[in-house]
Amino acid sequence: ALNEVTIARKNTTSMIGVRTCLNNEYLTN
């Protein structure tokens, strides 16, 4: 992707949790 990679919810109005790690170290959810 040149602009961005986006993670988004599907078929729901509920939020999703995106567990994020940077260089194998946990950042946040």
PDB file of all heavy atoms in Angstrom:
ATOM      1  N   ALA A   1       0.844  -1.190   0.000  1.00  0.00           N
ATOM      2  CA  ALA A   1       0.000   0.000   0.000  1.00  0.00           C
ATOM      3  C   ALA A   1       0.878   1.238   0.000  1.00  0.00           C
ATOM      4  O   ALA A   1       1.878   1.294   0.721  1.00  0.00           O
ATOM      5  CB  ALA A   1      -0.925   0.006   1.211  1.00  0.00           C
ATOM      6  N   LEU A   2       0.499   2.219  -0.792  1.00  0.00           N
ATOM      7  CA  LEU A   2       1.223   3.491  -0.842  1.00  0.00           C
ATOM      8  C   LEU A   2       0.701   4.463   0.211  1.00  0.00           C
ATOM      9  O   LEU A   2       1.473   5.174   0.837  1.00  0.00           O
ATOM     10  CB  LEU A   2       1.090   4.115  -2.233  1.00  0.00           C
ATOM     11  CG  LEU A   2       1.693   5.516  -2.426  1.00  0.00           C
ATOM     12  CD1 LEU A   2       3.180   5.528  -2.105  1.00  0.00           C
ATOM     13  CD2 LEU A   2       1.439   6.015  -3.852  1.00  0.00           C
ATOM     14  N   ASN A   3      -0.606   4.486   0.415  1.00  0.00           N
ATOM     15  CA  ASN A   3      -1.197   5.412   1.386  1.00  0.00           C
ATOM     16  C   ASN A   3      -1.291   4.809   2.787  1.00  0.00           C
ATOM     17  O   ASN A   3      -0.698   5.324   3.721  1.00  0.00           O
ATOM     18  CB  ASN A   3      -2.601   5.834   0.932  1.00  0.00           C
ATOM     19  CG  ASN A   3      -2.620   7.214   0.299  1.00  0.00           C
ATOM     20  OD1 ASN A   3      -1.577   7.788   0.019  1.00  0.00           O
ATOM     21  ND2 ASN A   3      -3.815   7.725   0.071  1.00  0.00           N
ATOM     22  N   GLU A   4      -2.067   3.742   2.903  1.00  0.00           N
ATOM     23  CA  GLU A   4      -2.271   3.178   4.231  1.00  0.00           C
ATOM     24  C   GLU A   4      -2.800   1.756   4.178  1.00  0.00           C
ATOM     25  O   GLU A   4      -3.389   1.326   3.176  1.00  0.00           O
ATOM     26  CB  GLU A   4      -3.255   4.030   5.054  1.00  0.00           C
ATOM     27  CG  GLU A   4      -4.702   3.958   4.629  1.00  0.00           C
ATOM     28  CD  GLU A   4      -5.110   4.920   3.555  1.00  0.00           C
ATOM     29  OE1 GLU A   4      -4.780   6.115   3.624  1.00  0.00           O
ATOM     30  OE2 GLU A   4      -5.784   4.451   2.604  1.00  0.00           O
ATOM     31  N   VAL A   5      -2.594   1.062   5.289  1.00  0.00           N
ATOM     32  CA  VAL A   5      -3.240  -0.219   5.563  1.00  0.00           C
ATOM     33  C   VAL A   5      -4.229   0.046   6.684  1.00  0.00           C
ATOM     34  O   VAL A   5      -3.864   0.589   7.726  1.00  0.00           O
ATOM     35  CB  VAL A   5      -2.220  -1.294   5.997  1.00  0.00           C
ATOM     36  CG1 VAL A   5      -2.940  -2.592   6.342  1.00  0.00           C
ATOM     37  CG2 VAL A   5      -1.182  -1.517   4.915  1.00  0.00           C
ATOM     38  N   THR A   6      -5.493  -0.329   6.466  1.00  0.00           N
ATOM     39  CA  THR A   6      -6.536  -0.035   7.452  1.00  0.00           C
ATOM     40  C   THR A   6      -7.229  -1.306   7.906  1.00  0.00           C
ATOM     41  O   THR A   6      -7.623  -2.142   7.093  1.00  0.00           O
ATOM     42  CB  THR A   6      -7.593   0.927   6.862  1.00  0.00           C
ATOM     43  OG1 THR A   6      -6.956   2.135   6.452  1.00  0.00           O
ATOM     44  CG2 THR A   6      -8.661   1.250   7.889  1.00  0.00           C
ATOM     45  N   ILE A   7      -7.358  -1.442   9.222  1.00  0.00           N
ATOM     46  CA  ILE A   7      -8.137  -2.509   9.828  1.00  0.00           C
ATOM     47  C   ILE A   7      -9.479  -1.903  10.223  1.00  0.00           C
ATOM     48  O   ILE A   7      -9.521  -0.845  10.866  1.00  0.00           O
ATOM     49  CB  ILE A   7      -7.447  -3.074  11.086  1.00  0.00           C
ATOM     50  CG1 ILE A   7      -6.033  -3.578  10.754  1.00  0.00           C
ATOM     51  CG2 ILE A   7      -8.288  -4.171  11.726  1.00  0.00           C
ATOM     52  CD1 ILE A   7      -5.990  -4.768   9.838  1.00  0.00           C
ATOM     53  N   ALA A   8     -10.593  -2.536   9.841  1.00  0.00           N
ATOM     54  CA  ALA A   8     -11.907  -1.966  10.141  1.00  0.00           C
ATOM     55  C   ALA A   8     -12.902  -3.046  10.478  1.00  0.00           C
ATOM     56  O   ALA A   8     -12.767  -4.208  10.075  1.00  0.00           O
ATOM     57  CB  ALA A   8     -12.399  -1.137   8.949  1.00  0.00           C
ATOM     58  N   ARG A   9     -13.946  -2.678  11.198  1.00  0.00           N
ATOM     59  CA  ARG A   9     -15.013  -3.610  11.572  1.00  0.00           C
ATOM     60  C   ARG A   9     -15.827  -3.988  10.337  1.00  0.00           C
ATOM     61  O   ARG A   9     -15.852  -3.270   9.341  1.00  0.00           O
ATOM     62  CB  ARG A   9     -15.913  -2.974  12.618  1.00  0.00           C
ATOM     63  CG  ARG A   9     -16.592  -1.705  12.135  1.00  0.00           C
ATOM     64  CD  ARG A   9     -17.324  -1.004  13.258  1.00  0.00           C
ATOM     65  NE  ARG A   9     -18.053   0.167  12.754  1.00  0.00           N
ATOM     66  CZ  ARG A   9     -18.813   0.945  13.503  1.00  0.00           C
ATOM     67  NH1 ARG A   9     -18.937   0.698  14.800  1.00  0.00           N
ATOM     68  NH2 ARG A   9     -19.459   1.975  12.984  1.00  0.00           N
ATOM     69  N   LYS A  10     -16.524  -5.128  10.415  1.00  0.00           N
ATOM     70  CA  LYS A  10     -17.372  -5.585   9.321  1.00  0.00           C
ATOM     71  C   LYS A  10     -18.695  -6.121   9.876  1.00  0.00           C
ATOM     72  O   LYS A  10     -18.701  -6.859  10.858  1.00  0.00           O
ATOM     73  CB  LYS A  10     -16.671  -6.684   8.508  1.00  0.00           C
ATOM     74  CG  LYS A  10     -17.508  -7.194   7.345  1.00  0.00           C
ATOM     75  CD  LYS A  10     -16.854  -8.366   6.628  1.00  0.00           C
ATOM     76  CE  LYS A  10     -17.759  -8.840   5.478  1.00  0.00           C
ATOM     77  NZ  LYS A  10     -17.204 -10.018   4.784  1.00  0.00           N
ATOM     78  N   ASN A  11     -19.776  -5.755   9.224  1.00  0.00           N
ATOM     79  CA  ASN A  11     -21.107  -6.275   9.560  1.00  0.00           C
ATOM     80  C   ASN A  11     -21.496  -6.057  11.021  1.00  0.00           C
ATOM     81  O   ASN A  11     -22.174  -6.889  11.630  1.00  0.00           O
ATOM     82  CB  ASN A  11     -21.215  -7.774   9.242  1.00  0.00           C
ATOM     83  CG  ASN A  11     -21.034  -8.051   7.771  1.00  0.00           C
ATOM     84  OD1 ASN A  11     -21.351  -7.221   6.922  1.00  0.00           O
ATOM     85  ND2 ASN A  11     -20.507  -9.227   7.449  1.00  0.00           N
ATOM     86  N   THR A  12     -21.037  -4.964  11.599  1.00  0.00           N
ATOM     87  CA  THR A  12     -21.380  -4.684  12.986  1.00  0.00           C
ATOM     88  C   THR A  12     -21.249  -3.188  13.256  1.00  0.00           C
ATOM     89  O   THR A  12     -20.464  -2.501  12.601  1.00  0.00           O
ATOM     90  CB  THR A  12     -20.469  -5.459  13.956  1.00  0.00           C
ATOM     91  OG1 THR A  12     -20.859  -5.136  15.309  1.00  0.00           O
ATOM     92  CG2 THR A  12     -19.013  -5.089  13.769  1.00  0.00           C
ATOM     93  N   THR A  13     -22.040  -2.719  14.214  1.00  0.00           N
ATOM     94  CA  THR A  13     -21.871  -1.339  14.665  1.00  0.00           C
ATOM     95  C   THR A  13     -21.021  -1.287  15.924  1.00  0.00           C
ATOM     96  O   THR A  13     -20.710  -0.211  16.425  1.00  0.00           O
ATOM     97  CB  THR A  13     -23.240  -0.695  14.954  1.00  0.00           C
ATOM     98  OG1 THR A  13     -23.936  -1.483  15.919  1.00  0.00           O
ATOM     99  CG2 THR A  13     -24.063  -0.592  13.682  1.00  0.00           C
ATOM    100  N   SER A  14     -20.673  -2.473  16.442  1.00  0.00           N
ATOM    101  CA  SER A  14     -19.835  -2.543  17.647  1.00  0.00           C
ATOM    102  C   SER A  14     -18.382  -2.262  17.294  1.00  0.00           C
ATOM    103  O   SER A  14     -17.907  -2.593  16.207  1.00  0.00           O
ATOM    104  CB  SER A  14     -19.943  -3.928  18.285  1.00  0.00           C
ATOM    105  OG  SER A  14     -21.275  -4.203  18.663  1.00  0.00           O
ATOM    106  N   MET A  15     -17.672  -1.672  18.220  1.00  0.00           N
ATOM    107  CA  MET A  15     -16.251  -1.426  18.020  1.00  0.00           C
ATOM    108  C   MET A  15     -15.477  -2.740  18.029  1.00  0.00           C
ATOM    109  O   MET A  15     -15.989  -3.782  18.464  1.00  0.00           O
ATOM    110  CB  MET A  15     -15.722  -0.488  19.107  1.00  0.00           C
ATOM    111  CG  MET A  15     -15.676  -1.105  20.483  1.00  0.00           C
ATOM    112  SD  MET A  15     -15.249   0.079  21.764  1.00  0.00           S
ATOM    113  CE  MET A  15     -16.801   0.947  21.941  1.00  0.00           C
ATOM    114  N   ILE A  16     -14.269  -2.688  17.549  1.00  0.00           N
ATOM    115  CA  ILE A  16     -13.384  -3.848  17.588  1.00  0.00           C
ATOM    116  C   ILE A  16     -12.161  -3.502  18.421  1.00  0.00           C
ATOM    117  O   ILE A  16     -11.839  -2.330  18.643  1.00  0.00           O
ATOM    118  CB  ILE A  16     -12.949  -4.283  16.162  1.00  0.00           C
ATOM    119  CG1 ILE A  16     -12.218  -3.132  15.438  1.00  0.00           C
ATOM    120  CG2 ILE A  16     -14.146  -4.749  15.365  1.00  0.00           C
ATOM    121  CD1 ILE A  16     -11.663  -3.519  14.071  1.00  0.00           C
ATOM    122  N   GLY A  17     -11.494  -4.521  18.892  1.00  0.00           N
ATOM    123  CA  GLY A  17     -10.233  -4.326  19.596  1.00  0.00           C
ATOM    124  C   GLY A  17      -9.085  -4.712  18.680  1.00  0.00           C
ATOM    125  O   GLY A  17      -9.128  -5.773  18.055  1.00  0.00           O
ATOM    126  N   VAL A  18      -8.090  -3.846  18.570  1.00  0.00           N
ATOM    127  CA  VAL A  18      -6.929  -4.133  17.727  1.00  0.00           C
ATOM    128  C   VAL A  18      -5.688  -4.170  18.624  1.00  0.00           C
ATOM    129  O   VAL A  18      -5.162  -3.119  19.023  1.00  0.00           O
ATOM    130  CB  VAL A  18      -6.754  -3.093  16.598  1.00  0.00           C
ATOM    131  CG1 VAL A  18      -5.626  -3.529  15.665  1.00  0.00           C
ATOM    132  CG2 VAL A  18      -8.046  -2.895  15.817  1.00  0.00           C
ATOM    133  N   ARG A  19      -5.277  -5.370  18.966  1.00  0.00           N
ATOM    134  CA  ARG A  19      -4.085  -5.548  19.811  1.00  0.00           C
ATOM    135  C   ARG A  19      -2.860  -5.241  18.969  1.00  0.00           C
ATOM    136  O   ARG A  19      -2.633  -5.864  17.930  1.00  0.00           O
ATOM    137  CB  ARG A  19      -4.023  -6.970  20.364  1.00  0.00           C
ATOM    138  CG  ARG A  19      -2.951  -7.187  21.415  1.00  0.00           C
ATOM    139  CD  ARG A  19      -2.986  -8.618  21.948  1.00  0.00           C
ATOM    140  NE  ARG A  19      -2.143  -8.764  23.113  1.00  0.00           N
ATOM    141  CZ  ARG A  19      -0.824  -8.983  23.064  1.00  0.00           C
ATOM    142  NH1 ARG A  19      -0.215  -9.099  21.881  1.00  0.00           N
ATOM    143  NH2 ARG A  19      -0.124  -9.111  24.180  1.00  0.00           N
ATOM    144  N   THR A  20      -2.049  -4.309  19.437  1.00  0.00           N
ATOM    145  CA  THR A  20      -0.954  -3.780  18.627  1.00  0.00           C
ATOM    146  C   THR A  20       0.389  -3.999  19.309  1.00  0.00           C
ATOM    147  O   THR A  20       0.582  -3.624  20.479  1.00  0.00           O
ATOM    148  CB  THR A  20      -1.157  -2.265  18.383  1.00  0.00           C
ATOM    149  OG1 THR A  20      -2.454  -2.065  17.799  1.00  0.00           O
ATOM    150  CG2 THR A  20      -0.081  -1.716  17.464  1.00  0.00           C
ATOM    151  N   CYS A  21       1.312  -4.619  18.564  1.00  0.00           N
ATOM    152  CA  CYS A  21       2.688  -4.824  19.049  1.00  0.00           C
ATOM    153  C   CYS A  21       3.668  -4.177  18.074  1.00  0.00           C
ATOM    154  O   CYS A  21       3.472  -4.247  16.857  1.00  0.00           O
ATOM    155  CB  CYS A  21       3.008  -6.308  19.182  1.00  0.00           C
ATOM    156  SG  CYS A  21       2.056  -7.168  20.459  1.00  0.00           S
ATOM    157  N   LEU A  22       4.699  -3.554  18.613  1.00  0.00           N
ATOM    158  CA  LEU A  22       5.734  -2.930  17.806  1.00  0.00           C
ATOM    159  C   LEU A  22       7.060  -3.614  18.096  1.00  0.00           C
ATOM    160  O   LEU A  22       7.502  -3.645  19.260  1.00  0.00           O
ATOM    161  CB  LEU A  22       5.845  -1.427  18.120  1.00  0.00           C
ATOM    162  CG  LEU A  22       4.545  -0.613  18.011  1.00  0.00           C
ATOM    163  CD1 LEU A  22       4.819   0.849  18.372  1.00  0.00           C
ATOM    164  CD2 LEU A  22       3.955  -0.715  16.615  1.00  0.00           C
ATOM    165  N   ASN A  23       7.672  -4.180  17.060  1.00  0.00           N
ATOM    166  CA  ASN A  23       8.923  -4.931  17.226  1.00  0.00           C
ATOM    167  C   ASN A  23       8.783  -5.977  18.339  1.00  0.00           C
ATOM    168  O   ASN A  23       9.647  -6.101  19.214  1.00  0.00           O
ATOM    169  CB  ASN A  23      10.094  -3.991  17.515  1.00  0.00           C
ATOM    170  CG  ASN A  23      10.463  -3.148  16.307  1.00  0.00           C
ATOM    171  OD1 ASN A  23      10.260  -3.550  15.161  1.00  0.00           O
ATOM    172  ND2 ASN A  23      11.007  -1.966  16.568  1.00  0.00           N
ATOM    173  N   ASN A  24       7.645  -6.683  18.295  1.00  0.00           N
ATOM    174  CA  ASN A  24       7.340  -7.767  19.238  1.00  0.00           C
ATOM    175  C   ASN A  24       7.073  -7.294  20.663  1.00  0.00           C
ATOM    176  O   ASN A  24       6.933  -8.132  21.576  1.00  0.00           O
ATOM    177  CB  ASN A  24       8.465  -8.816  19.257  1.00  0.00           C
ATOM    178  CG  ASN A  24       8.599  -9.522  17.924  1.00  0.00           C
ATOM    179  OD1 ASN A  24       7.599  -9.890  17.303  1.00  0.00           O
ATOM    180  ND2 ASN A  24       9.832  -9.707  17.465  1.00  0.00           N
ATOM    181  N   GLU A  25       6.987  -5.997  20.875  1.00  0.00           N
ATOM    182  CA  GLU A  25       6.666  -5.477  22.208  1.00  0.00           C
ATOM    183  C   GLU A  25       5.235  -4.936  22.210  1.00  0.00           C
ATOM    184  O   GLU A  25       4.851  -4.161  21.332  1.00  0.00           O
ATOM    185  CB  GLU A  25       7.630  -4.374  22.618  1.00  0.00           C
ATOM    186  CG  GLU A  25       7.360  -3.830  24.013  1.00  0.00           C
ATOM    187  CD  GLU A  25       8.354  -2.741  24.433  1.00  0.00           C
ATOM    188  OE1 GLU A  25       9.337  -2.526  23.699  1.00  0.00           O
ATOM    189  OE2 GLU A  25       8.121  -2.116  25.491  1.00  0.00           O
ATOM    190  N   TYR A  26       4.443  -5.323  23.195  1.00  0.00           N
ATOM    191  CA  TYR A  26       3.050  -4.900  23.277  1.00  0.00           C
ATOM    192  C   TYR A  26       2.949  -3.394  23.473  1.00  0.00           C
ATOM    193  O   TYR A  26       3.622  -2.814  24.337  1.00  0.00           O
ATOM    194  CB  TYR A  26       2.364  -5.630  24.433  1.00  0.00           C
ATOM    195  CG  TYR A  26       0.946  -5.194  24.701  1.00  0.00           C
ATOM    196  CD1 TYR A  26      -0.066  -5.459  23.782  1.00  0.00           C
ATOM    197  CD2 TYR A  26       0.609  -4.512  25.872  1.00  0.00           C
ATOM    198  CE1 TYR A  26      -1.387  -5.055  24.020  1.00  0.00           C
ATOM    199  CE2 TYR A  26      -0.695  -4.114  26.125  1.00  0.00           C
ATOM    200  CZ  TYR A  26      -1.692  -4.378  25.194  1.00  0.00           C
ATOM    201  OH  TYR A  26      -2.983  -3.980  25.433  1.00  0.00           O
ATOM    202  N   LEU A  27       2.097  -2.750  22.663  1.00  0.00           N
ATOM    203  CA  LEU A  27       1.855  -1.311  22.800  1.00  0.00           C
ATOM    204  C   LEU A  27       0.539  -1.074  23.533  1.00  0.00           C
ATOM    205  O   LEU A  27       0.520  -0.539  24.639  1.00  0.00           O
ATOM    206  CB  LEU A  27       1.802  -0.642  21.417  1.00  0.00           C
ATOM    207  CG  LEU A  27       1.347   0.828  21.387  1.00  0.00           C
ATOM    208  CD1 LEU A  27       2.326   1.710  22.153  1.00  0.00           C
ATOM    209  CD2 LEU A  27       1.173   1.313  19.946  1.00  0.00           C
ATOM    210  N   THR A  28      -0.570  -1.466  22.911  1.00  0.00           N
ATOM    211  CA  THR A  28      -1.879  -1.289  23.525  1.00  0.00           C
ATOM    212  C   THR A  28      -2.916  -2.053  22.722  1.00  0.00           C
ATOM    213  O   THR A  28      -2.624  -2.578  21.641  1.00  0.00           O
ATOM    214  CB  THR A  28      -2.270   0.206  23.585  1.00  0.00           C
ATOM    215  OG1 THR A  28      -3.461   0.367  24.371  1.00  0.00           O
ATOM    216  CG2 THR A  28      -2.532   0.759  22.186  1.00  0.00           C
ATOM    217  N   ASN A  29      -4.126  -2.094  23.255  1.00  0.00           N
ATOM    218  CA  ASN A  29      -5.259  -2.651  22.531  1.00  0.00           C
ATOM    219  C   ASN A  29      -6.206  -1.493  22.210  1.00  0.00           C
ATOM    220  O   ASN A  29      -6.831  -0.926  23.106  1.00  0.00           O
ATOM    221  CB  ASN A  29      -5.970  -3.715  23.373  1.00  0.00           C
ATOM    222  CG  ASN A  29      -7.006  -4.485  22.575  1.00  0.00           C
ATOM    223  OD1 ASN A  29      -6.791  -4.827  21.419  1.00  0.00           O
ATOM    224  ND2 ASN A  29      -8.146  -4.754  23.193  1.00  0.00           N
TER     225      ASN A  29
END
